[in-house]
C-alpha atoms as a PDB file:
ATOM      1  CA  UNK A   1     -19.808 -61.309   9.205  1.00  0.00           C
ATOM      2  CA  UNK A   2     -16.530 -59.464   9.187  1.00  0.00           C
ATOM      3  CA  UNK A   3     -13.560 -58.913   6.924  1.00  0.00           C
ATOM      4  CA  UNK A   4     -10.189 -57.443   7.734  1.00  0.00           C
ATOM      5  CA  UNK A   5      -7.274 -56.242   5.705  1.00  0.00           C
ATOM      6  CA  UNK A   6      -4.555 -53.893   6.950  1.00  0.00           C
ATOM      7  CA  UNK A   7      -6.051 -50.416   7.200  1.00  0.00           C
ATOM      8  CA  UNK A   8      -9.666 -51.586   6.954  1.00  0.00           C
ATOM      9  CA  UNK A   9     -12.206 -53.495   9.052  1.00  0.00           C
ATOM     10  CA  UNK A  10     -15.735 -54.202   7.843  1.00  0.00           C
ATOM     11  CA  UNK A  11     -18.313 -55.702  10.192  1.00  0.00           C
ATOM     12  CA  UNK A  12     -21.895 -56.548   9.346  1.00  0.00           C
ATOM     13  CA  UNK A  13     -24.813 -57.885  11.368  1.00  0.00           C
ATOM     14  CA  UNK A  14     -28.344 -58.156  10.027  1.00  0.00           C
ATOM     15  CA  UNK A  15     -31.273 -57.689  12.417  1.00  0.00           C
ATOM     16  CA  UNK A  16     -32.619 -61.205  12.935  1.00  0.00           C
ATOM     17  CA  UNK A  17     -36.061 -60.522  14.401  1.00  0.00           C
ATOM     18  CA  UNK A  18     -38.361 -57.652  15.397  1.00  0.00           C
ATOM     19  CA  UNK A  19     -36.759 -55.468  18.056  1.00  0.00           C
ATOM     20  CA  UNK A  20     -33.266 -56.564  17.028  1.00  0.00           C
ATOM     21  CA  UNK A  21     -30.505 -54.270  15.801  1.00  0.00           C
ATOM     22  CA  UNK A  22     -28.130 -54.512  12.874  1.00  0.00           C
ATOM     23  CA  UNK A  23     -25.169 -52.698  11.393  1.00  0.00           C
ATOM     24  CA  UNK A  24     -22.897 -52.369   8.421  1.00  0.00           C
ATOM     25  CA  UNK A  25     -19.797 -50.608   9.744  1.00  0.00           C
ATOM     26  CA  UNK A  26     -16.496 -49.899   8.053  1.00  0.00           C
ATOM     27  CA  UNK A  27     -13.456 -48.609   9.922  1.00  0.00           C
ATOM     28  CA  UNK A  28     -10.595 -47.265   7.828  1.00  0.00           C
ATOM     29  CA  UNK A  29      -7.403 -46.119   9.517  1.00  0.00           C
ATOM     30  CA  UNK A  30      -4.039 -44.628   8.690  1.00  0.00           C
ATOM     31  CA  UNK A  31      -1.038 -43.091  10.407  1.00  0.00           C
ATOM     32  CA  UNK A  32      -1.045 -39.292  10.486  1.00  0.00           C
ATOM     33  CA  UNK A  33       1.324 -36.762  12.010  1.00  0.00           C
ATOM     34  CA  UNK A  34      -0.205 -34.566  14.675  1.00  0.00           C
ATOM     35  CA  UNK A  35       1.578 -31.289  15.450  1.00  0.00           C
ATOM     36  CA  UNK A  36       0.846 -31.890  19.138  1.00  0.00           C
ATOM     37  CA  UNK A  37       1.273 -35.665  19.528  1.00  0.00           C
ATOM     38  CA  UNK A  38       3.461 -36.782  16.609  1.00  0.00           C
ATOM     39  CA  UNK A  39       2.582 -40.135  15.052  1.00  0.00           C
ATOM     40  CA  UNK A  40      -1.088 -40.849  15.596  1.00  0.00           C
ATOM     41  CA  UNK A  41      -3.724 -43.116  14.096  1.00  0.00           C
ATOM     42  CA  UNK A  42      -6.686 -41.516  12.352  1.00  0.00           C
ATOM     43  CA  UNK A  43      -9.817 -43.649  12.168  1.00  0.00           C
ATOM     44  CA  UNK A  44     -12.754 -43.034   9.857  1.00  0.00           C
ATOM     45  CA  UNK A  45     -15.832 -44.965  10.892  1.00  0.00           C
ATOM     46  CA  UNK A  46     -18.785 -45.006   8.511  1.00  0.00           C
ATOM     47  CA  UNK A  47     -21.768 -47.059   7.556  1.00  0.00           C
ATOM     48  CA  UNK A  48     -25.301 -47.711   8.692  1.00  0.00           C
ATOM     49  CA  UNK A  49     -26.880 -48.814  11.963  1.00  0.00           C
ATOM     50  CA  UNK A  50     -30.426 -50.078  12.387  1.00  0.00           C
ATOM     51  CA  UNK A  51     -31.364 -49.575  16.029  1.00  0.00           C
ATOM     52  CA  UNK A  52     -33.848 -51.610  18.051  1.00  0.00           C
ATOM     53  CA  UNK A  53     -36.318 -48.851  17.150  1.00  0.00           C
ATOM     54  CA  UNK A  54     -35.914 -50.037  13.513  1.00  0.00           C
ATOM     55  CA  UNK A  55     -34.657 -46.590  12.487  1.00  0.00           C
ATOM     56  CA  UNK A  56     -31.801 -46.766  10.001  1.00  0.00           C
ATOM     57  CA  UNK A  57     -29.043 -44.225  10.614  1.00  0.00           C
ATOM     58  CA  UNK A  58     -26.220 -43.504   8.190  1.00  0.00           C
ATOM     59  CA  UNK A  59     -23.143 -42.039   9.822  1.00  0.00           C
ATOM     60  CA  UNK A  60     -19.562 -41.020   9.280  1.00  0.00           C
ATOM     61  CA  UNK A  61     -17.237 -39.949  12.078  1.00  0.00           C
ATOM     62  CA  UNK A  62     -13.528 -39.520  12.372  1.00  0.00           C
ATOM     63  CA  UNK A  63     -11.351 -39.729  15.449  1.00  0.00           C
ATOM     64  CA  UNK A  64      -7.611 -39.590  15.983  1.00  0.00           C
ATOM     65  CA  UNK A  65      -5.719 -41.280  18.783  1.00  0.00           C
ATOM     66  CA  UNK A  66      -2.095 -40.548  19.682  1.00  0.00           C
ATOM     67  CA  UNK A  67       0.419 -43.380  19.304  1.00  0.00           C
ATOM     68  CA  UNK A  68       0.322 -44.319  22.984  1.00  0.00           C
ATOM     69  CA  UNK A  69      -3.513 -44.536  23.098  1.00  0.00           C
ATOM     70  CA  UNK A  70      -4.266 -45.982  19.659  1.00  0.00           C
ATOM     71  CA  UNK A  71      -4.802 -49.405  21.237  1.00  0.00           C
ATOM     72  CA  UNK A  72      -8.080 -48.001  22.644  1.00  0.00           C
ATOM     73  CA  UNK A  73      -9.736 -47.726  19.217  1.00  0.00           C
ATOM     74  CA  UNK A  74     -12.420 -50.349  19.955  1.00  0.00           C
ATOM     75  CA  UNK A  75     -13.747 -48.390  22.919  1.00  0.00           C
ATOM     76  CA  UNK A  76     -13.954 -45.197  20.869  1.00  0.00           C
ATOM     77  CA  UNK A  77     -15.630 -47.044  17.982  1.00  0.00           C
ATOM     78  CA  UNK A  78     -18.184 -48.688  20.282  1.00  0.00           C
ATOM     79  CA  UNK A  79     -19.134 -45.289  21.765  1.00  0.00           C
ATOM     80  CA  UNK A  80     -19.807 -44.013  18.246  1.00  0.00           C
ATOM     81  CA  UNK A  81     -21.837 -47.130  17.399  1.00  0.00           C
ATOM     82  CA  UNK A  82     -23.911 -46.654  20.571  1.00  0.00           C
ATOM     83  CA  UNK A  83     -24.590 -43.060  19.605  1.00  0.00           C
ATOM     84  CA  UNK A  84     -26.188 -44.248  16.358  1.00  0.00           C
ATOM     85  CA  UNK A  85     -28.254 -47.105  17.798  1.00  0.00           C
ATOM     86  CA  UNK A  86     -26.173 -50.143  18.784  1.00  0.00           C
ATOM     87  CA  UNK A  87     -27.376 -51.072  22.280  1.00  0.00           C
ATOM     88  CA  UNK A  88     -24.937 -50.695  25.174  1.00  0.00           C
ATOM     89  CA  UNK A  89     -25.371 -54.370  26.070  1.00  0.00           C
ATOM     90  CA  UNK A  90     -24.523 -55.589  22.554  1.00  0.00           C
ATOM     91  CA  UNK A  91     -22.331 -58.684  22.597  1.00  0.00           C
ATOM     92  CA  UNK A  92     -19.393 -58.068  20.269  1.00  0.00           C
ATOM     93  CA  UNK A  93     -17.204 -60.934  21.491  1.00  0.00           C
ATOM     94  CA  UNK A  94     -17.767 -62.854  18.263  1.00  0.00           C
ATOM     95  CA  UNK A  95     -15.716 -60.210  16.438  1.00  0.00           C
ATOM     96  CA  UNK A  96     -12.783 -60.486  18.868  1.00  0.00           C
ATOM     97  CA  UNK A  97     -10.496 -62.198  16.348  1.00  0.00           C
ATOM     98  CA  UNK A  98     -10.926 -59.324  13.881  1.00  0.00           C
ATOM     99  CA  UNK A  99     -10.282 -56.679  16.546  1.00  0.00           C
ATOM    100  CA  UNK A 100      -7.122 -58.578  17.554  1.00  0.00           C
ATOM    101  CA  UNK A 101      -5.893 -58.503  13.964  1.00  0.00           C
ATOM    102  CA  UNK A 102      -6.671 -54.792  13.697  1.00  0.00           C
ATOM    103  CA  UNK A 103      -4.975 -54.143  17.055  1.00  0.00           C
ATOM    104  CA  UNK A 104      -1.819 -55.917  15.832  1.00  0.00           C
ATOM    105  CA  UNK A 105      -1.862 -53.923  12.600  1.00  0.00           C
ATOM    106  CA  UNK A 106      -2.308 -50.610  14.458  1.00  0.00           C
ATOM    107  CA  UNK A 107       0.627 -51.508  16.716  1.00  0.00           C
ATOM    108  CA  UNK A 108       2.797 -52.463  13.738  1.00  0.00           C
ATOM    109  CA  UNK A 109       1.974 -49.326  11.745  1.00  0.00           C
ATOM    110  CA  UNK A 110       2.749 -47.097  14.746  1.00  0.00           C
ATOM    111  CA  UNK A 111       5.728 -49.227  15.830  1.00  0.00           C
ATOM    112  CA  UNK A 112       4.290 -49.657  19.330  1.00  0.00           C
ATOM    113  CA  UNK A 113       5.813 -52.366  21.497  1.00  0.00           C
ATOM    114  CA  UNK A 114       4.371 -53.930  24.651  1.00  0.00           C
ATOM    115  CA  UNK A 115       5.556 -51.941  27.631  1.00  0.00           C
ATOM    116  CA  UNK A 116       5.925 -48.639  25.759  1.00  0.00           C
ATOM    117  CA  UNK A 117       4.927 -45.857  28.167  1.00  0.00           C
ATOM    118  CA  UNK A 118       1.706 -43.856  27.999  1.00  0.00           C
ATOM    119  CA  UNK A 119       2.068 -40.081  28.365  1.00  0.00           C
ATOM    120  CA  UNK A 120       0.436 -39.073  31.675  1.00  0.00           C
ATOM    121  CA  UNK A 121      -1.247 -36.066  30.050  1.00  0.00           C
ATOM    122  CA  UNK A 122      -3.126 -38.452  27.730  1.00  0.00           C
ATOM    123  CA  UNK A 123      -4.752 -40.091  30.747  1.00  0.00           C
ATOM    124  CA  UNK A 124      -6.415 -36.910  32.026  1.00  0.00           C
END
């Protein structure tokens, strides 16, 4: 299950059988001004993850990506989810439509256009 509205994505998956994992994750995001990078997108990811070990972990983490790297939010979010118990091999393709909508919203809020350059120092 997932819901999206500009500035907010909520995804939920219940563990279906023993040894399965589940999550209830919310990602809120907004444009912020960074003294170093200018317009950036700040993401707040919070919720609960039930790992394959059946341990429930509440979490809240924030990360900020500069305008030219904000498109990479899904990778950052998945690393956080892994840290709290989502398995590395988790199949998240079913949520692709919601990530696409969020990606488009992030681009629109930051006024990023296809072909805009990435600062080389952000790739180090």
